Amino acid sequence: MNRLRYILLMCLLACGMTVGAQTYEYRVRENFWNSSQNITGVRQYMWLSGGTMYAEAFGGYEAGGFRESWQAPKGWTAGAATASIRHFERMTLKGSFSFKQTEGYDMCGSMFINPGYYPVDVLEFTPGRKTLQTYAFDGGLSYDLTKKWRIGAMMDFESSNMAKRKDLRHSNWLLDMKVAPGFMYHNGDWAFGANYIYRRSTESVEAEQVGVSESSYYAFLDKGLMYGVYNIWTGSGLHLNESGVKGLPVMEQSNGLAAQVQYKDFFAEAEYLHSAGKIGEKEYIWFVFPGNSANLRMAYKYSGNRGCHYARLDLGWDGRTMDETVLEKVTEGGVSNVVNHGQNKILTQRGWNLKPEYEYVSVEDGVEVLAKAQIGVREEAASQMYPYVDWQRLMNYGADVRVKYYWGPVALTAEAGYAAGKVLEDSWTTDDQAGVQTAPFRLQDYHDWQIEYATASRVKAGLSLRCYVWGRLLYVQADARLIHAFALKHIASPDRLTTALRIGYEF
């Protein structure tokens, strides 16, 4: 019995030495279907990937002046995450769970959890501490109906809550959920799949002031290109303190389809989504924003003598508009009703992005190389007040290289990158004889900050050291990354430092 235990222990350690040289991230990425919208493809290449999992706890610190206007000058993060793929005879299960808490100090600016996701934003200007907690999980199932047909479904769920502890105080609740059932037909070198996609994203911002202050707290409602309403936070037009509505609720629902095809080591996926969003609730709907998006993903794998080469290409397009409604509260016979007199289109957005990527992995040499680039263009036209129109075209581009080398029980990762951008802006009036004397208000300081952060030339460098113990199953990892920007005019500091310490287990 003791000899049997010894043999089993040696087999476990040998297994760890074999698979530990490939991280969970790579072992998931080597199957192109895992990055698609169709969970049924997780059973492709089962003989190559096998089951895999990891569990990790982490903590990190971030500081520096080169940041978005809503980011913390300094803050820390702690959390834990786990993910697993398990193959059975006719079924595969895939799932993950994570929790993260972030504490940021001297924060102000956007009151949303994910600034920029929705076409509107709300800003406040009193620096204070913010606490953000995020829970996320996903789960999926792929099942073989026959030798050639598979069905499956996957669900992604994320819930976040944020609280600011200094006036102007606010609390946020975010919910993001996606459901994607699908099927696959595979025969020899060919595989075809398709799936339906439903996504729902909601967030609510509730602001409050505790006690009586000698000064008033102001806020700004950004309706696009940093044009909007600047007023006392309880004032008209900001929608933070409206009668009959709790907070500022935002909701977006998306429906779409995705189709996949694979031939030998070539993979492609096309995806389309239509979305409908609104800001407000019940009869108080202040903004509506429908949109559309399309994505094309292609990938190819080539197996060489000492390693595998991967080429990936993502091409995406999206566009949406936002209309502002004209509401009036009318009281007749003691009964109050909200009358919608129509809506005006005040914002148009559209953009595209291209992301090529190359990866080389050699288990024999213990080397992983990942090189990627991206270029994106986004156009916006804001017309909040007749006859004024403002237009902006923002281009971003950059490239990154990451090299990971395994040396015994140590994995060393080095990365470097460069990014920059360009912006073009214009404004005009559609009617020179309109006689309007008042121009729309722009929060110029924050606009300049936002544009400079998006377009400033910057370089980044990072190092990561992972040490494996206990047969390369348990690891400890330290990360550090520095970003340095050039020729800044509106942002106080050119540097941003991020550090992290992780301890985990994978096989």
Protein backbone atom coordinates (compact mmCIF):
# COMPACT_ATOMS: atom_id res chain seq x y z
CA MET A 1 0.00 0.00 0.00
CA ASN A 2 2.83 2.44 0.84
CA ARG A 3 4.54 1.60 -2.44
CA LEU A 4 1.27 2.22 -4.33
CA ARG A 5 0.87 5.62 -2.66
CA TYR A 6 4.44 6.49 -3.59
CA ILE A 7 3.84 5.53 -7.25
CA LEU A 8 0.62 7.57 -7.38
CA LEU A 9 2.38 10.58 -5.86
CA MET A 10 5.21 10.36 -8.40
CA CYS A 11 2.67 10.11 -11.24
CA LEU A 12 0.89 13.22 -9.97
CA LEU A 13 4.14 15.17 -9.77
CA ALA A 14 5.17 13.97 -13.22
CA CYS A 15 1.81 15.07 -14.59
CA GLY A 16 2.31 18.45 -12.96
CA MET A 17 5.77 18.76 -14.50
CA THR A 18 4.26 17.97 -17.90
CA VAL A 19 1.30 20.32 -18.01
CA GLY A 20 2.60 23.04 -15.70
CA ALA A 21 4.70 24.49 -18.50
CA GLN A 22 1.49 25.56 -20.20
CA THR A 23 -0.65 28.07 -18.32
CA TYR A 24 -4.42 27.84 -18.11
CA GLU A 25 -4.67 30.90 -20.37
CA TYR A 26 -2.77 29.24 -23.20
CA ARG A 27 -4.49 25.90 -22.88
CA VAL A 28 -7.82 27.68 -23.33
CA ARG A 29 -6.60 29.90 -26.18
CA GLU A 30 -5.26 27.00 -28.24
CA ASN A 31 -8.85 25.97 -29.01
CA PHE A 32 -10.23 28.85 -31.11
CA TRP A 33 -13.82 27.93 -30.24
CA ASN A 34 -13.19 28.97 -26.63
CA SER A 35 -12.99 32.61 -27.73
CA SER A 36 -16.18 32.35 -29.76
CA GLN A 37 -19.78 32.87 -28.69
CA ASN A 38 -20.60 29.17 -29.10
CA ILE A 39 -19.92 26.97 -26.07
CA THR A 40 -20.40 23.74 -28.05
CA GLY A 41 -16.91 24.16 -29.54
CA VAL A 42 -15.27 23.54 -26.18
CA ARG A 43 -15.29 19.82 -27.08
CA GLN A 44 -13.10 20.37 -30.13
CA TYR A 45 -9.48 19.21 -29.65
CA MET A 46 -10.30 17.41 -26.41
CA TRP A 47 -7.33 15.13 -27.00
CA LEU A 48 -5.11 18.22 -27.23
CA SER A 49 -6.34 20.33 -24.34
CA GLY A 50 -7.76 17.84 -21.88
CA GLY A 51 -9.35 19.11 -18.71
CA THR A 52 -7.75 22.16 -17.12
CA MET A 53 -8.36 24.45 -14.17
CA TYR A 54 -6.79 27.09 -11.96
CA ALA A 55 -7.52 28.92 -8.72
CA GLU A 56 -5.83 32.16 -7.72
CA ALA A 57 -5.82 34.82 -5.03
CA PHE A 58 -4.29 38.21 -5.79
CA GLY A 59 -3.66 41.69 -4.50
CA GLY A 60 -2.37 44.78 -6.25
CA TYR A 61 -1.54 48.47 -5.95
CA GLU A 62 -1.78 51.18 -8.60
CA ALA A 63 -0.61 54.79 -8.50
CA GLY A 64 0.42 57.62 -10.80
CA GLY A 65 -0.88 60.75 -12.44
CA PHE A 66 -1.22 59.44 -16.00
CA ARG A 67 -4.82 58.29 -15.70
CA GLU A 68 -8.37 58.81 -16.87
CA SER A 69 -10.24 61.64 -15.15
CA TRP A 70 -12.38 59.09 -13.27
CA GLN A 71 -9.52 56.84 -12.15
CA ALA A 72 -8.02 56.98 -8.67
CA PRO A 73 -4.64 58.69 -8.19
CA LYS A 74 -3.84 55.67 -6.04
CA GLY A 75 -5.66 52.55 -4.95
CA TRP A 76 -5.44 48.86 -4.21
CA THR A 77 -7.22 45.74 -5.39
CA ALA A 78 -7.68 42.30 -3.87
CA GLY A 79 -9.64 39.27 -4.98
CA ALA A 80 -9.80 35.64 -5.97
CA ALA A 81 -10.71 33.74 -9.13
CA THR A 82 -11.10 30.17 -10.30
CA ALA A 83 -11.94 28.56 -13.66
CA SER A 84 -12.21 25.03 -14.94
CA ILE A 85 -12.95 22.93 -18.02
CA ARG A 86 -13.88 19.30 -17.41
CA HIS A 87 -14.43 16.73 -20.17
CA PHE A 88 -16.62 13.65 -19.81
CA GLU A 89 -17.53 10.93 -22.28
CA ARG A 90 -20.36 12.85 -23.97
CA MET A 91 -20.37 16.15 -22.12
CA THR A 92 -18.06 19.03 -21.23
CA LEU A 93 -18.57 21.53 -18.42
CA LYS A 94 -16.93 24.95 -18.36
CA GLY A 95 -17.19 27.53 -15.61
CA SER A 96 -15.50 30.27 -13.63
CA PHE A 97 -16.06 32.48 -10.60
CA SER A 98 -14.28 35.61 -9.40
CA PHE A 99 -14.55 38.29 -6.75
CA LYS A 100 -12.64 41.56 -6.69
CA GLN A 101 -12.66 44.55 -4.36
CA THR A 102 -11.05 47.86 -5.26
CA GLU A 103 -10.42 50.81 -2.98
CA GLY A 104 -9.65 54.11 -4.71
CA TYR A 105 -8.65 57.35 -3.00
CA ASP A 106 -9.29 60.98 -3.99
CA MET A 107 -11.63 59.89 -6.78
CA CYS A 108 -14.09 62.10 -8.64
CA GLY A 109 -15.25 62.49 -12.23
CA SER A 110 -17.60 59.88 -13.68
CA MET A 111 -20.16 58.41 -11.28
CA PHE A 112 -20.63 55.25 -13.40
CA ILE A 113 -18.87 51.95 -12.74
CA ASN A 114 -17.93 51.52 -16.43
CA PRO A 115 -17.49 55.06 -17.81
CA GLY A 116 -17.92 55.24 -21.57
CA TYR A 117 -20.06 52.12 -21.92
CA TYR A 118 -23.28 54.14 -22.20
CA PRO A 119 -23.60 57.23 -24.42
CA VAL A 120 -24.22 59.49 -21.40
CA ASP A 121 -22.15 60.13 -18.30
CA VAL A 122 -22.57 61.97 -14.99
CA LEU A 123 -19.60 63.69 -13.34
CA GLU A 124 -19.10 65.04 -9.83
CA PHE A 125 -16.16 67.06 -8.57
CA THR A 126 -15.44 66.34 -4.89
CA PRO A 127 -12.45 64.00 -4.40
CA GLY A 128 -13.19 61.13 -2.06
CA ARG A 129 -12.82 57.43 -1.42
CA LYS A 130 -14.71 54.87 -3.52
CA THR A 131 -15.21 51.16 -2.86
CA LEU A 132 -16.03 48.83 -5.73
CA GLN A 133 -16.97 45.16 -5.40
CA THR A 134 -17.44 42.91 -8.42
CA TYR A 135 -18.79 39.36 -8.51
CA ALA A 136 -18.69 37.42 -11.76
CA PHE A 137 -19.34 33.87 -12.86
CA ASP A 138 -19.98 31.97 -16.06
CA GLY A 139 -21.10 28.45 -16.72
CA GLY A 140 -21.51 26.42 -19.87
CA LEU A 141 -22.41 22.96 -21.08
CA SER A 142 -21.66 21.17 -24.36
CA TYR A 143 -23.34 17.81 -25.02
CA ASP A 144 -22.95 15.27 -27.83
CA LEU A 145 -26.38 14.36 -29.18
CA THR A 146 -24.84 12.08 -31.79
CA LYS A 147 -21.39 11.52 -33.22
CA LYS A 148 -21.83 14.61 -35.40
CA TRP A 149 -24.28 16.91 -33.58
CA ARG A 150 -23.74 18.89 -30.39
CA ILE A 151 -25.88 21.31 -28.41
CA GLY A 152 -24.96 23.60 -25.55
CA ALA A 153 -25.62 26.82 -23.70
CA MET A 154 -23.59 29.31 -21.71
CA MET A 155 -24.38 32.09 -19.28
CA ASP A 156 -22.15 34.99 -18.18
CA PHE A 157 -23.15 37.01 -15.12
CA GLU A 158 -21.52 40.02 -13.48
CA SER A 159 -22.75 42.09 -10.58
CA SER A 160 -21.01 45.16 -9.16
CA ASN A 161 -21.72 47.70 -6.47
CA MET A 162 -19.84 50.91 -5.78
CA ALA A 163 -20.11 53.49 -3.00
CA LYS A 164 -18.53 56.88 -2.51
CA ARG A 165 -18.21 57.91 1.13
CA LYS A 166 -17.87 61.67 0.81
CA ASP A 167 -20.38 64.24 -0.45
CA LEU A 168 -21.42 64.28 -3.15
CA ARG A 169 -22.07 60.65 -2.13
CA HIS A 170 -23.44 58.09 -4.53
CA SER A 171 -24.17 54.38 -4.70
CA ASN A 172 -24.19 52.26 -7.87
CA TRP A 173 -25.58 48.84 -8.77
CA LEU A 174 -24.57 47.16 -12.02
CA LEU A 175 -25.85 43.95 -13.56
CA ASP A 176 -24.50 42.48 -16.81
CA MET A 177 -25.85 39.14 -18.05
CA LYS A 178 -25.45 37.20 -21.29
CA VAL A 179 -27.08 33.94 -22.38
CA ALA A 180 -25.97 32.09 -25.53
CA PRO A 181 -27.52 28.71 -26.52
CA GLY A 182 -26.13 27.07 -29.67
CA PHE A 183 -25.44 23.96 -31.70
CA MET A 184 -22.66 22.44 -33.80
CA TYR A 185 -22.36 19.98 -36.66
CA HIS A 186 -18.93 18.40 -37.20
CA ASN A 187 -17.76 15.83 -39.71
CA GLY A 188 -14.10 15.09 -40.38
CA ASP A 189 -12.16 18.28 -41.06
CA TRP A 190 -15.31 20.44 -41.11
CA ALA A 191 -17.34 21.93 -38.28
CA PHE A 192 -20.24 24.39 -38.42
CA GLY A 193 -21.97 26.12 -35.54
CA ALA A 194 -24.51 28.82 -34.77
CA ASN A 195 -25.99 30.35 -31.64
CA TYR A 196 -28.38 32.97 -30.34
CA ILE A 197 -27.13 35.78 -28.05
CA TYR A 198 -29.12 37.70 -25.47
CA ARG A 199 -27.48 40.34 -23.29
CA ARG A 200 -28.91 42.67 -20.66
CA SER A 201 -26.93 45.43 -18.96
CA THR A 202 -28.31 47.73 -16.27
CA GLU A 203 -26.84 50.29 -13.90
CA SER A 204 -28.42 52.67 -11.41
CA VAL A 205 -26.75 55.71 -9.83
CA GLU A 206 -28.23 57.13 -6.63
CA ALA A 207 -26.74 60.39 -5.32
CA GLU A 208 -27.26 61.91 -1.89
CA GLN A 209 -25.98 64.64 0.40
CA VAL A 210 -25.70 64.04 4.14
CA GLY A 211 -26.40 67.01 6.38
CA VAL A 212 -26.30 70.67 5.44
CA SER A 213 -23.25 72.20 3.78
CA GLU A 214 -22.32 75.85 3.36
CA SER A 215 -21.40 75.17 -0.26
CA SER A 216 -23.43 73.53 -3.00
CA TYR A 217 -22.32 70.38 -4.78
CA TYR A 218 -22.39 70.52 -8.55
CA ALA A 219 -22.64 67.79 -11.14
CA PHE A 220 -22.45 67.57 -14.92
CA LEU A 221 -24.54 65.46 -17.30
CA ASP A 222 -22.46 64.64 -20.37
CA LYS A 223 -24.71 64.10 -23.40
CA GLY A 224 -21.83 63.54 -25.80
CA LEU A 225 -18.42 65.07 -26.56
CA MET A 226 -18.49 66.57 -23.04
CA TYR A 227 -21.43 68.86 -23.91
CA GLY A 228 -24.34 68.88 -21.51
CA VAL A 229 -25.86 70.32 -18.32
CA TYR A 230 -23.82 71.75 -15.44
CA ASN A 231 -25.90 72.50 -12.35
CA ILE A 232 -26.42 71.90 -8.65
CA TRP A 233 -26.80 68.12 -8.33
CA THR A 234 -30.48 68.46 -7.40
CA GLY A 235 -31.10 70.85 -10.28
CA SER A 236 -33.29 70.36 -13.32
CA GLY A 237 -31.83 68.54 -16.30
CA LEU A 238 -29.33 66.34 -14.40
CA HIS A 239 -31.93 63.65 -13.56
CA LEU A 240 -30.18 62.73 -10.31
CA ASN A 241 -33.04 63.89 -8.07
CA GLU A 242 -36.21 63.54 -10.11
CA SER A 243 -39.59 63.09 -8.46
CA GLY A 244 -41.03 59.64 -9.11
CA VAL A 245 -37.70 58.09 -10.18
CA LYS A 246 -35.13 56.45 -7.93
CA GLY A 247 -31.68 57.58 -8.97
CA LEU A 248 -30.52 57.57 -12.58
CA PRO A 249 -31.41 54.15 -14.04
CA VAL A 250 -29.88 52.96 -17.33
CA MET A 251 -30.76 49.77 -19.19
CA GLU A 252 -29.66 48.19 -22.48
CA GLN A 253 -30.84 44.92 -24.05
CA SER A 254 -29.18 43.22 -27.01
CA ASN A 255 -30.24 40.35 -29.26
CA GLY A 256 -28.17 38.76 -31.97
CA LEU A 257 -26.79 35.77 -33.79
CA ALA A 258 -23.35 34.27 -34.36
CA ALA A 259 -22.18 31.65 -36.86
CA GLN A 260 -18.93 29.70 -36.87
CA VAL A 261 -17.06 27.54 -39.38
CA GLN A 262 -13.90 25.47 -39.00
CA TYR A 263 -11.88 23.65 -41.62
CA LYS A 264 -8.89 21.76 -40.25
CA ASP A 265 -6.88 24.45 -38.42
CA PHE A 266 -8.75 27.46 -39.81
CA PHE A 267 -11.59 29.04 -37.82
CA ALA A 268 -13.94 31.97 -38.49
CA GLU A 269 -16.89 33.52 -36.69
CA ALA A 270 -19.35 36.27 -37.69
CA GLU A 271 -21.50 37.98 -35.06
CA TYR A 272 -24.29 40.57 -35.22
CA LEU A 273 -26.09 42.30 -32.33
CA HIS A 274 -28.95 44.79 -32.21
CA SER A 275 -29.36 46.74 -29.00
CA ALA A 276 -32.01 49.01 -27.50
CA GLY A 277 -31.22 51.20 -24.52
CA LYS A 278 -33.02 53.72 -22.39
CA ILE A 279 -32.28 56.08 -19.49
CA GLY A 280 -35.08 56.53 -17.00
CA GLU A 281 -37.97 54.34 -15.93
CA LYS A 282 -41.76 54.04 -16.17
CA GLU A 283 -43.10 57.08 -18.03
CA TYR A 284 -39.95 59.10 -17.28
CA ILE A 285 -37.73 58.01 -20.19
CA TRP A 286 -35.31 60.85 -20.84
CA PHE A 287 -33.05 59.22 -23.44
CA VAL A 288 -33.27 56.25 -25.83
CA PHE A 289 -30.26 54.84 -27.68
CA PRO A 290 -30.64 52.00 -30.22
CA GLY A 291 -27.53 50.50 -31.78
CA ASN A 292 -26.00 47.79 -33.93
CA SER A 293 -22.67 45.99 -33.92
CA ALA A 294 -20.94 43.39 -36.07
CA ASN A 295 -17.75 41.40 -35.53
CA LEU A 296 -15.67 39.08 -37.67
CA ARG A 297 -13.06 36.83 -36.06
CA MET A 298 -10.62 34.61 -37.94
CA ALA A 299 -7.82 32.36 -36.69
CA TYR A 300 -5.34 29.86 -38.10
CA LYS A 301 -2.97 27.39 -36.49
CA TYR A 302 0.24 25.99 -38.00
CA SER A 303 2.16 23.23 -36.26
CA GLY A 304 5.92 23.50 -36.80
CA ASN A 305 8.78 21.20 -35.88
CA ARG A 306 9.33 22.65 -32.40
CA GLY A 307 6.16 24.62 -31.69
CA CYS A 308 2.79 25.95 -32.84
CA HIS A 309 2.10 29.22 -34.64
CA TYR A 310 -1.23 31.01 -34.20
CA ALA A 311 -2.57 33.91 -36.25
CA ARG A 312 -5.74 35.74 -35.21
CA LEU A 313 -7.62 38.69 -36.67
CA ASP A 314 -10.60 40.54 -35.17
CA LEU A 315 -12.55 43.15 -37.11
CA GLY A 316 -15.39 45.00 -35.40
CA TRP A 317 -17.91 47.73 -36.23
CA ASP A 318 -20.55 49.43 -34.10
CA GLY A 319 -22.91 52.35 -34.39
CA ARG A 320 -25.72 53.89 -32.39
CA THR A 321 -27.76 57.04 -31.98
CA MET A 322 -29.26 58.75 -28.95
CA ASP A 323 -32.52 60.69 -28.82
CA GLU A 324 -33.59 63.01 -25.99
CA THR A 325 -37.29 63.05 -25.23
CA VAL A 326 -39.38 66.16 -24.56
CA LEU A 327 -41.51 65.43 -21.48
CA GLU A 328 -44.12 67.56 -19.74
CA LYS A 329 -45.95 66.81 -16.51
CA VAL A 330 -49.59 67.79 -16.91
CA THR A 331 -52.13 67.84 -14.07
CA GLU A 332 -55.84 67.61 -14.91
CA GLY A 333 -58.57 67.03 -12.36
CA GLY A 334 -56.02 66.39 -9.66
CA VAL A 335 -54.36 63.65 -11.68
CA SER A 336 -50.80 64.12 -12.95
CA ASN A 337 -49.60 62.50 -16.16
CA VAL A 338 -46.38 62.73 -18.11
CA VAL A 339 -46.86 63.68 -21.75
CA ASN A 340 -44.21 62.83 -24.31
CA HIS A 341 -44.13 65.53 -27.01
CA GLY A 342 -41.53 63.73 -29.11
CA GLN A 343 -37.78 63.30 -29.23
CA ASN A 344 -34.74 64.92 -30.81
CA LYS A 345 -31.65 63.15 -32.08
CA ILE A 346 -28.72 64.65 -30.17
CA LEU A 347 -25.88 62.15 -30.68
CA THR A 348 -24.60 59.81 -33.37
CA GLN A 349 -21.73 57.38 -32.79
CA ARG A 350 -19.99 54.91 -35.04
CA GLY A 351 -16.61 53.24 -35.13
CA TRP A 352 -14.50 50.30 -36.22
CA ASN A 353 -11.43 48.51 -34.92
CA LEU A 354 -8.91 46.03 -36.30
CA LYS A 355 -6.82 43.73 -34.09
CA PRO A 356 -4.25 41.38 -35.69
CA GLU A 357 -2.37 38.97 -33.45
CA TYR A 358 0.44 36.42 -33.73
CA GLU A 359 1.39 33.82 -31.13
CA TYR A 360 4.14 31.21 -31.01
CA VAL A 361 4.27 28.49 -28.36
CA SER A 362 7.01 25.89 -28.00
CA VAL A 363 6.56 23.48 -25.13
CA GLU A 364 9.85 21.81 -26.01
CA ASP A 365 11.80 25.07 -25.73
CA GLY A 366 9.64 26.52 -22.96
CA VAL A 367 8.91 29.73 -24.89
CA GLU A 368 5.70 31.68 -25.57
CA VAL A 369 5.63 34.80 -27.76
CA LEU A 370 2.55 36.98 -28.25
CA ALA A 371 2.58 40.01 -30.57
CA LYS A 372 -0.53 42.05 -31.23
CA ALA A 373 -1.54 45.38 -32.69
CA GLN A 374 -4.72 47.41 -32.85
CA ILE A 375 -6.12 50.38 -34.70
CA GLY A 376 -9.52 51.92 -34.13
CA VAL A 377 -11.46 54.93 -35.36
CA ARG A 378 -14.50 56.43 -33.66
CA GLU A 379 -16.68 59.26 -34.98
CA GLU A 380 -19.24 61.21 -32.95
CA ALA A 381 -21.57 64.04 -33.90
CA ALA A 382 -23.38 65.94 -31.13
CA SER A 383 -26.29 68.33 -31.83
CA GLN A 384 -27.87 69.06 -28.48
CA MET A 385 -28.97 72.58 -29.27
CA TYR A 386 -30.27 73.76 -32.62
CA PRO A 387 -28.54 74.80 -34.86
CA TYR A 388 -25.12 73.83 -33.39
CA VAL A 389 -23.34 70.65 -34.50
CA ASP A 390 -20.03 69.37 -33.14
CA TRP A 391 -18.07 66.54 -34.74
CA GLN A 392 -15.09 64.49 -33.62
CA ARG A 393 -13.00 61.70 -35.15
CA LEU A 394 -10.70 59.90 -32.73
CA MET A 395 -8.08 57.40 -33.92
CA ASN A 396 -6.14 55.09 -31.61
CA TYR A 397 -3.35 52.72 -32.55
CA GLY A 398 -0.69 50.68 -30.82
CA ALA A 399 1.27 47.44 -30.59
CA ASP A 400 2.42 45.11 -27.80
CA VAL A 401 4.89 42.24 -27.54
CA ARG A 402 4.99 39.71 -24.71
CA VAL A 403 7.61 36.98 -24.27
CA LYS A 404 7.37 34.25 -21.65
CA TYR A 405 10.26 31.91 -20.93
CA TYR A 406 10.15 28.83 -18.70
CA TRP A 407 13.39 27.97 -16.93
CA GLY A 408 12.96 25.03 -14.60
CA PRO A 409 10.38 25.98 -11.96
CA VAL A 410 10.51 29.67 -12.95
CA ALA A 411 8.51 31.47 -15.64
CA LEU A 412 9.68 34.96 -16.60
CA THR A 413 7.46 37.24 -18.70
CA ALA A 414 8.59 40.51 -20.26
CA GLU A 415 6.35 42.84 -22.23
CA ALA A 416 6.70 46.14 -24.04
CA GLY A 417 4.29 48.27 -25.99
CA TYR A 418 3.55 51.60 -27.63
CA ALA A 419 0.27 53.45 -28.18
CA ALA A 420 -0.83 56.83 -29.46
CA GLY A 421 -3.74 58.55 -31.13
CA LYS A 422 -4.99 61.46 -33.20
CA VAL A 423 -8.11 63.58 -33.00
CA LEU A 424 -9.91 65.83 -35.48
CA GLU A 425 -12.71 68.17 -34.36
CA ASP A 426 -15.02 70.52 -36.16
CA SER A 427 -18.19 72.49 -35.41
CA TRP A 428 -20.75 74.34 -37.49
CA THR A 429 -24.32 75.63 -37.52
CA THR A 430 -27.04 74.24 -39.73
CA ASP A 431 -28.88 77.57 -39.92
CA ASP A 432 -27.00 80.88 -39.81
CA GLN A 433 -30.30 82.79 -39.54
CA ALA A 434 -31.64 80.90 -36.53
CA GLY A 435 -30.99 83.80 -34.19
CA VAL A 436 -30.00 81.59 -31.24
CA GLN A 437 -27.78 83.50 -28.82
CA THR A 438 -26.91 80.74 -26.35
CA ALA A 439 -24.37 78.07 -27.30
CA PRO A 440 -24.26 74.57 -25.73
CA PHE A 441 -22.08 74.25 -22.62
CA ARG A 442 -18.91 72.15 -22.74
CA LEU A 443 -16.91 71.06 -19.69
CA GLN A 444 -13.68 72.07 -21.36
CA ASP A 445 -11.16 71.04 -18.69
CA TYR A 446 -12.41 67.48 -18.57
CA HIS A 447 -12.70 67.34 -22.36
CA ASP A 448 -9.04 68.33 -22.73
CA TRP A 449 -8.05 65.75 -20.12
CA GLN A 450 -10.05 63.03 -21.84
CA ILE A 451 -8.65 63.75 -25.31
CA GLU A 452 -5.07 64.00 -24.12
CA TYR A 453 -5.28 60.66 -22.33
CA ALA A 454 -6.73 59.02 -25.45
CA THR A 455 -4.16 60.44 -27.88
CA ALA A 456 -0.93 60.92 -25.91
CA SER A 457 2.05 58.90 -27.10
CA ARG A 458 3.06 56.40 -24.46
CA VAL A 459 5.32 53.42 -23.91
CA LYS A 460 4.82 50.63 -21.44
CA ALA A 461 7.07 47.95 -20.00
CA GLY A 462 6.27 45.11 -17.69
CA LEU A 463 7.87 42.17 -15.91
CA SER A 464 6.28 39.14 -14.33
CA LEU A 465 8.02 36.41 -12.35
CA ARG A 466 6.21 33.16 -11.55
CA CYS A 467 7.75 30.47 -9.36
CA TYR A 468 6.28 26.97 -9.35
CA VAL A 469 6.47 24.67 -6.37
CA TRP A 470 5.10 21.22 -5.51
CA GLY A 471 5.55 19.69 -8.92
CA ARG A 472 4.71 22.91 -10.77
CA LEU A 473 1.13 22.87 -9.57
CA LEU A 474 1.31 25.67 -7.01
CA TYR A 475 2.77 29.03 -8.01
CA VAL A 476 3.61 32.46 -6.64
CA GLN A 477 3.77 35.38 -9.06
CA ALA A 478 4.82 39.02 -8.87
CA ASP A 479 3.88 41.55 -11.57
CA ALA A 480 4.96 45.12 -12.27
CA ARG A 481 4.04 47.42 -15.16
CA LEU A 482 5.02 51.01 -15.87
CA ILE A 483 3.44 53.38 -18.41
CA HIS A 484 5.20 56.60 -19.41
CA ALA A 485 3.57 59.25 -21.63
CA PHE A 486 5.14 62.10 -23.57
CA ALA A 487 4.42 65.79 -24.27
CA LEU A 488 1.52 66.21 -21.85
CA LYS A 489 -0.21 69.56 -21.39
CA HIS A 490 -3.30 68.84 -19.30
CA ILE A 491 -2.41 65.70 -17.30
CA ALA A 492 -0.21 66.37 -14.30
CA SER A 493 2.12 63.36 -14.39
CA PRO A 494 3.39 61.16 -17.25
CA ASP A 495 3.72 57.92 -15.25
CA ARG A 496 1.45 55.14 -14.01
CA LEU A 497 2.69 52.13 -12.02
CA THR A 498 0.76 48.91 -11.43
CA THR A 499 1.95 46.06 -9.21
CA ALA A 500 0.39 42.76 -8.17
CA LEU A 501 1.16 39.64 -6.15
CA ARG A 502 -0.59 36.33 -6.92
CA ILE A 503 -0.66 32.84 -5.47
CA GLY A 504 -2.43 30.09 -7.33
CA TYR A 505 -2.84 26.48 -8.32
CA GLU A 506 -3.28 25.09 -11.82
CA PHE A 507 -3.22 21.78 -13.64
